[in-house]
Protein backbone atom coordinates (compact mmCIF):
# COMPACT_ATOMS: atom_id res chain seq x y z
CA LYS A 1 -19.06 6.98 -8.23
CA GLN A 2 -18.74 6.64 -4.33
CA LYS A 3 -21.45 4.40 -4.02
CA GLU A 4 -20.06 2.33 -7.04
CA LEU A 5 -16.33 1.72 -5.40
CA LYS A 6 -18.29 0.90 -2.00
CA THR A 7 -19.57 -2.24 -3.71
CA GLN A 8 -15.87 -3.15 -4.44
CA GLU A 9 -14.83 -3.00 -0.42
CA LEU A 10 -13.81 -5.78 0.94
CA PRO A 11 -16.61 -7.10 2.95
CA ILE A 12 -15.71 -6.51 6.78
CA LYS A 13 -16.83 -10.04 7.30
CA TRP A 14 -14.45 -11.84 5.85
CA ILE A 15 -11.82 -10.12 7.64
CA PRO A 16 -11.75 -12.18 10.70
CA LYS A 17 -11.52 -15.15 8.17
CA ILE A 18 -8.82 -13.72 6.11
CA PHE A 19 -7.20 -12.95 9.52
CA GLU A 20 -7.32 -16.35 10.84
CA LEU A 21 -5.57 -17.87 7.69
CA CYS A 22 -2.83 -15.65 7.19
CA LYS A 23 -2.36 -15.94 11.11
CA LYS A 24 -2.28 -20.06 10.43
CA LEU A 25 0.16 -19.43 7.54
CA ASN A 26 2.48 -17.32 9.19
CA ILE A 27 1.60 -14.03 6.74
CA GLU A 28 1.34 -10.73 8.19
CA PHE A 29 -2.51 -9.49 7.12
CA GLY A 30 -3.16 -5.39 6.62
CA CYS A 31 -5.40 -3.07 5.16
CA THR A 32 -5.65 0.21 2.95
CA VAL A 33 -8.43 2.25 5.64
CA PHE A 34 -10.06 5.30 3.49
CA TYR A 35 -12.37 6.00 6.48
CA ASN A 36 -12.24 6.92 10.02
CA THR A 37 -14.85 3.79 10.62
CA ALA A 38 -12.81 1.36 9.06
CA ILE A 39 -10.20 1.63 11.67
CA GLN A 40 -11.67 0.35 14.97
CA LYS A 41 -13.56 -2.15 12.66
CA LEU A 42 -9.94 -3.32 11.71
CA ILE A 43 -7.77 -3.09 14.71
CA SER A 44 -8.19 -5.88 15.90
CA TYR A 45 -8.08 -8.32 13.05
CA VAL A 46 -4.54 -6.99 10.80
CA ASN A 47 -0.97 -6.45 11.56
CA PHE A 48 -0.32 -3.00 10.21
CA LEU A 49 -2.82 -0.66 8.34
CA LYS A 50 -2.46 1.11 5.16
CA ILE A 51 -2.42 4.89 3.75
CA SER A 52 -3.08 5.01 -0.07
CA SER A 53 -1.31 8.20 -1.71
CA PHE A 54 -4.43 9.58 -2.26
CA ASP A 55 -4.93 9.87 1.45
CA VAL A 56 -1.75 11.01 2.71
CA LYS A 57 -2.45 14.56 2.99
CA ARG A 58 -5.88 13.09 5.43
CA THR A 59 -4.51 14.66 8.34
CA GLU A 60 -7.36 13.30 10.53
CA LEU A 61 -7.56 9.69 8.93
CA ILE A 62 -3.53 9.04 10.02
CA LEU A 63 -3.90 10.82 13.30
CA ASN A 64 -6.59 8.37 13.85
CA CYS A 65 -4.51 5.25 12.50
CA LEU A 66 -1.63 6.16 14.54
CA LYS A 67 -3.36 6.19 17.99
CA THR A 68 -3.96 2.62 17.29
CA ASN A 69 -0.17 1.96 17.78
CA LEU A 70 -0.16 -0.26 14.75
CA PRO A 71 2.81 -0.28 12.06
CA ILE A 72 1.33 1.81 9.42
CA TYR A 73 2.49 1.55 5.84
CA ILE A 74 2.25 4.69 3.92
CA SER A 75 2.19 5.35 0.10
CA CYS A 76 3.81 8.46 -0.82
CA GLY A 77 2.64 8.63 -4.82
CA LEU A 78 1.44 12.51 -4.39
CA LEU A 79 3.67 13.59 -2.09
CA THR A 80 7.03 15.69 -3.35
CA ASN A 81 10.55 14.87 -2.10
CA ILE A 82 10.28 17.81 0.24
CA GLU A 83 6.50 16.83 1.53
CA ILE A 84 7.61 13.36 1.93
CA ARG A 85 10.70 14.73 4.25
CA ASP A 86 8.18 16.99 6.22
CA PHE A 87 5.86 14.21 6.92
CA ARG A 88 8.82 12.16 8.44
CA LYS A 89 9.51 14.96 10.29
CA ASN A 90 6.21 15.25 11.42
CA LEU A 91 6.23 11.54 12.53
CA PHE A 92 9.48 12.05 14.50
CA HIS A 93 8.04 15.20 16.27
CA MET A 94 4.84 13.08 17.18
CA ASN A 95 7.22 10.58 18.78
CA PHE A 96 6.01 8.13 16.36
CA HIS A 97 8.72 5.11 14.41
CA ASN A 98 6.21 2.45 13.78
CA TYR A 99 5.63 3.64 9.65
CA GLU A 100 7.34 2.58 6.50
CA LEU A 101 7.06 4.88 3.41
CA PHE A 102 6.64 3.46 0.52
CA HIS A 103 7.59 5.09 -3.22
CA CYS A 104 4.59 4.80 -5.30
CA ARG A 105 3.64 6.50 -9.15
CA SER A 106 -0.20 7.07 -8.67
CA GLU A 107 -0.45 6.33 -12.32
CA TYR A 108 -2.96 3.36 -13.09
CA PRO A 109 -0.78 1.40 -15.16
CA ALA A 110 2.61 3.72 -14.13
CA LYS A 111 4.74 4.01 -17.36
CA ILE A 112 8.22 2.58 -16.45
CA GLU A 113 9.76 5.80 -17.81
CA ASP A 114 7.72 7.59 -15.23
CA ILE A 115 8.52 6.04 -12.31
CA GLN A 116 11.06 7.97 -10.80
CA MET A 117 12.84 4.27 -9.11
CA ASN A 118 15.76 6.33 -7.50
CA ARG A 119 13.44 8.30 -5.16
CA ILE A 120 13.69 5.25 -3.00
CA ASN A 121 17.19 5.21 -2.19
CA LYS A 122 17.38 9.17 -2.19
CA LEU A 123 14.82 9.59 0.16
CA ASN A 124 15.52 6.56 2.09
CA LEU A 125 11.97 4.83 1.47
CA SER A 126 11.66 1.40 2.69
CA GLY A 127 8.94 0.01 0.00
CA TYR A 128 7.39 0.27 -3.08
CA SER A 129 4.21 0.16 -4.07
CA ASP A 130 3.57 -0.84 -7.74
CA HIS A 131 1.32 0.06 -10.31
CA SER A 132 3.09 -1.18 -13.58
CA ALA A 133 2.73 -5.03 -13.18
CA SER A 134 6.16 -5.35 -14.30
CA THR A 135 8.93 -7.78 -13.28
CA SER A 136 11.53 -5.61 -14.15
CA VAL A 137 10.17 -2.68 -12.08
CA ILE A 138 9.62 -4.49 -9.11
CA ILE A 139 13.68 -5.63 -9.72
CA ALA A 140 14.73 -2.09 -10.08
CA ALA A 141 13.15 -1.46 -6.28
CA ILE A 142 14.59 -4.11 -4.55
CA MET A 143 17.69 -3.02 -6.01
CA GLN A 144 17.00 0.81 -4.77
CA GLY A 145 16.80 -0.88 -1.64
CA ALA A 146 13.34 -1.84 -0.89
CA LYS A 147 12.35 -3.73 2.03
CA TYR A 148 8.33 -4.14 1.22
CA ILE A 149 6.67 -4.40 -2.41
CA GLU A 150 3.13 -4.32 -2.40
CA LEU A 151 1.37 -5.64 -5.14
CA HIS A 152 -2.68 -5.12 -6.60
CA PHE A 153 -3.79 -8.71 -7.72
CA ASP A 154 -6.28 -9.37 -10.38
CA LEU A 155 -7.87 -12.42 -8.76
CA ASP A 156 -10.66 -12.39 -11.33
CA ASP A 157 -8.25 -13.75 -14.11
CA LYS A 158 -8.53 -10.45 -15.49
CA GLN A 159 -12.04 -10.51 -15.21
CA GLY A 160 -11.63 -8.06 -11.98
CA TYR A 161 -13.03 -4.26 -11.40
CA GLU A 162 -9.62 -2.81 -11.42
CA THR A 163 -8.29 -4.83 -14.63
CA HIS A 164 -9.12 -2.16 -17.65
CA TYR A 165 -6.86 -0.07 -15.87
CA GLY A 166 -3.44 -2.53 -16.27
CA HIS A 167 -1.74 -2.14 -12.71
CA CYS A 168 -3.23 -5.56 -11.33
CA TRP A 169 -0.82 -8.87 -11.45
CA THR A 170 -2.42 -12.14 -12.61
CA GLU A 171 -1.60 -14.98 -10.96
CA THR A 172 0.67 -16.25 -13.54
CA ALA A 173 2.77 -13.28 -13.81
CA PHE A 174 3.22 -13.47 -9.60
CA LYS A 175 4.46 -16.62 -10.43
CA TYR A 176 6.85 -16.13 -12.94
CA LEU A 177 7.87 -13.00 -10.27
CA TYR A 178 8.58 -15.23 -7.35
CA HIS A 179 10.37 -18.00 -9.14
């Protein structure tokens, strides 16, 4: 399975090109890191690093991201409310304040009735990582106070690797959301 996932990674040689294009378009560019060696490969080409919900308890990976002094966006989909508060306290005690915590439902696709969007406001989370591909969910996240929204895209017109999970936005759906 891991070998199969490795083939789905964005090739590292693309990163500088994407970074330059984003800079030209005045778009901040970041990458989700899944392993420690990726951090050093990315550090010169990203404005921020992202920690996925599935990696939020990997202390070594998070500590290595903190050492970069880049902003870190962290999905909290697998953390309880108490774990989110403790996580925030730990970052505070390490004197690291350059982060954003994202609400997320780590389910593919996320069922709208299970998303618990009120956690954004209740826990003072600044972002939402979407796995629903639902316009109404994005609007609800913004209404709850989310300043950042992370979407997953299917750029292959429903032919991409993750399409069958049902959590990716298509270009058409995004255009509808954006307007």
